[in-house]
Amino acid sequence: MPFDEYFEKWFKLYKSNLTKTTKLHYDYTFRAIKEYFGGKPLQEIKRHDYQMFLNKFGSDKAKENVEKVNTHIRSCVQDAIEEQIIQHDFTRKAVLTWTNQSCKEARRKTFKFF
């Protein structure tokens, strides 16, 4: 099954009772998966594929965005393992990379406290 399709089905089944904002975050993750992996089957994704995804995704993102997307995908992958769709966790030992400051960091630098 293609990764993007599995993530979408998983999201709709297990994450149906979320706030509108949280649903938007999951939709953002779905679009990132679809854009990078396309129709690649979940069973064919290896650790190096996922690391390359994180490296590219984080090349213009803040830490908090990369962490959130990684958390969504890790949760989905754990369920795929539980369902015996895949045998290995390709998100294990992934190194998160990012380049932009988070909004919180930017605000801290803007406001100087005495």
Protein backbone atom coordinates (compact mmCIF):
# COMPACT_ATOMS: atom_id res chain seq x y z
CA MET A 1 0.00 0.00 0.00
CA PRO A 2 1.35 3.47 -0.85
CA PHE A 3 2.60 5.37 2.19
CA ASP A 4 0.47 8.43 1.49
CA GLU A 5 -2.70 6.33 1.22
CA TYR A 6 -1.92 4.41 4.40
CA PHE A 7 -1.24 7.62 6.32
CA GLU A 8 -4.50 9.16 5.10
CA LYS A 9 -6.53 6.07 6.06
CA TRP A 10 -4.74 5.83 9.41
CA PHE A 11 -5.34 9.51 10.12
CA LYS A 12 -9.05 9.31 9.28
CA LEU A 13 -9.52 6.14 11.35
CA TYR A 14 -7.50 6.90 14.47
CA LYS A 15 -7.37 10.70 14.54
CA SER A 16 -10.95 11.59 13.71
CA ASN A 17 -11.77 13.30 17.01
CA LEU A 18 -9.24 16.15 16.93
CA THR A 19 -9.53 19.91 16.99
CA LYS A 20 -9.59 21.75 13.69
CA THR A 21 -6.05 23.05 14.22
CA THR A 22 -4.65 19.60 15.00
CA LYS A 23 -6.36 18.17 11.93
CA LEU A 24 -4.64 20.86 9.87
CA HIS A 25 -1.29 19.71 11.28
CA TYR A 26 -2.00 16.12 10.23
CA ASP A 27 -3.09 17.31 6.80
CA TYR A 28 0.20 19.21 6.53
CA THR A 29 2.06 15.97 7.32
CA PHE A 30 -0.02 14.09 4.75
CA ARG A 31 0.85 16.64 2.04
CA ALA A 32 4.56 16.41 2.92
CA ILE A 33 4.43 12.59 2.64
CA LYS A 34 2.52 12.74 -0.64
CA GLU A 35 4.90 15.30 -2.13
CA TYR A 36 8.09 13.45 -1.18
CA PHE A 37 7.15 9.76 -1.32
CA GLY A 38 4.37 9.92 -3.92
CA GLY A 39 2.91 6.46 -4.37
CA LYS A 40 5.89 4.60 -2.90
CA PRO A 41 4.70 1.53 -0.98
CA LEU A 42 5.09 1.72 2.78
CA GLN A 43 6.87 -1.66 2.71
CA GLU A 44 9.62 -0.30 0.45
CA ILE A 45 10.62 2.66 2.63
CA LYS A 46 13.93 2.18 4.41
CA ARG A 47 15.64 4.20 7.13
CA HIS A 48 17.84 6.02 4.62
CA ASP A 49 14.75 6.99 2.56
CA TYR A 50 13.13 8.47 5.65
CA GLN A 51 16.32 10.27 6.69
CA MET A 52 16.59 11.80 3.22
CA PHE A 53 12.96 12.94 3.56
CA LEU A 54 13.71 14.57 6.94
CA ASN A 55 16.83 16.26 5.59
CA LYS A 56 14.96 17.72 2.63
CA PHE A 57 11.87 18.60 4.64
CA GLY A 58 13.92 20.32 7.35
CA SER A 59 16.03 22.28 4.88
CA ASP A 60 13.64 25.23 5.16
CA LYS A 61 11.64 24.45 8.28
CA ALA A 62 11.79 25.25 11.99
CA LYS A 63 12.56 22.61 14.59
CA GLU A 64 8.99 22.51 15.89
CA ASN A 65 7.60 21.75 12.41
CA VAL A 66 10.07 18.92 11.81
CA GLU A 67 9.39 17.45 15.26
CA LYS A 68 5.62 17.53 14.73
CA VAL A 69 5.78 15.85 11.31
CA ASN A 70 8.20 13.23 12.63
CA THR A 71 5.89 12.52 15.59
CA HIS A 72 2.89 12.03 13.31
CA ILE A 73 4.80 9.69 11.00
CA ARG A 74 6.34 7.71 13.89
CA SER A 75 2.89 7.09 15.35
CA CYS A 76 1.55 5.95 11.98
CA VAL A 77 4.55 3.63 11.43
CA GLN A 78 4.13 2.10 14.89
CA ASP A 79 0.54 1.19 14.02
CA ALA A 80 1.63 -0.26 10.66
CA ILE A 81 4.06 -2.50 12.57
CA GLU A 82 1.29 -3.51 15.00
CA GLU A 83 -0.92 -4.39 12.04
CA GLN A 84 1.98 -6.37 10.52
CA ILE A 85 1.94 -4.28 7.35
CA ILE A 86 5.64 -3.59 7.84
CA GLN A 87 8.20 -5.33 10.03
CA HIS A 88 10.72 -2.58 10.75
CA ASP A 89 10.44 0.93 12.10
CA PHE A 90 12.13 3.08 9.49
CA THR A 91 11.74 6.14 11.75
CA ARG A 92 13.96 4.60 14.45
CA LYS A 93 17.17 6.55 15.10
CA ALA A 94 16.18 9.24 12.61
CA VAL A 95 18.10 12.48 13.05
CA LEU A 96 15.92 15.56 12.89
CA THR A 97 17.34 18.44 10.89
CA TRP A 98 16.06 22.01 10.57
CA THR A 99 17.38 25.38 9.50
CA ASN A 100 14.92 28.05 10.56
CA GLN A 101 14.38 29.50 13.99
CA SER A 102 11.19 28.59 15.74
CA CYS A 103 8.68 31.36 16.33
CA LYS A 104 9.43 31.20 20.05
CA GLU A 105 13.18 31.69 19.51
CA ALA A 106 12.59 34.63 17.18
CA ARG A 107 10.32 36.32 19.75
CA ARG A 108 12.85 35.80 22.54
CA LYS A 109 15.52 37.54 20.49
CA THR A 110 13.16 40.38 19.57
CA PHE A 111 12.07 41.15 23.15
CA LYS A 112 14.87 41.85 25.56
CA PHE A 113 14.03 41.39 29.19
CA PHE A 114 15.94 43.17 31.94
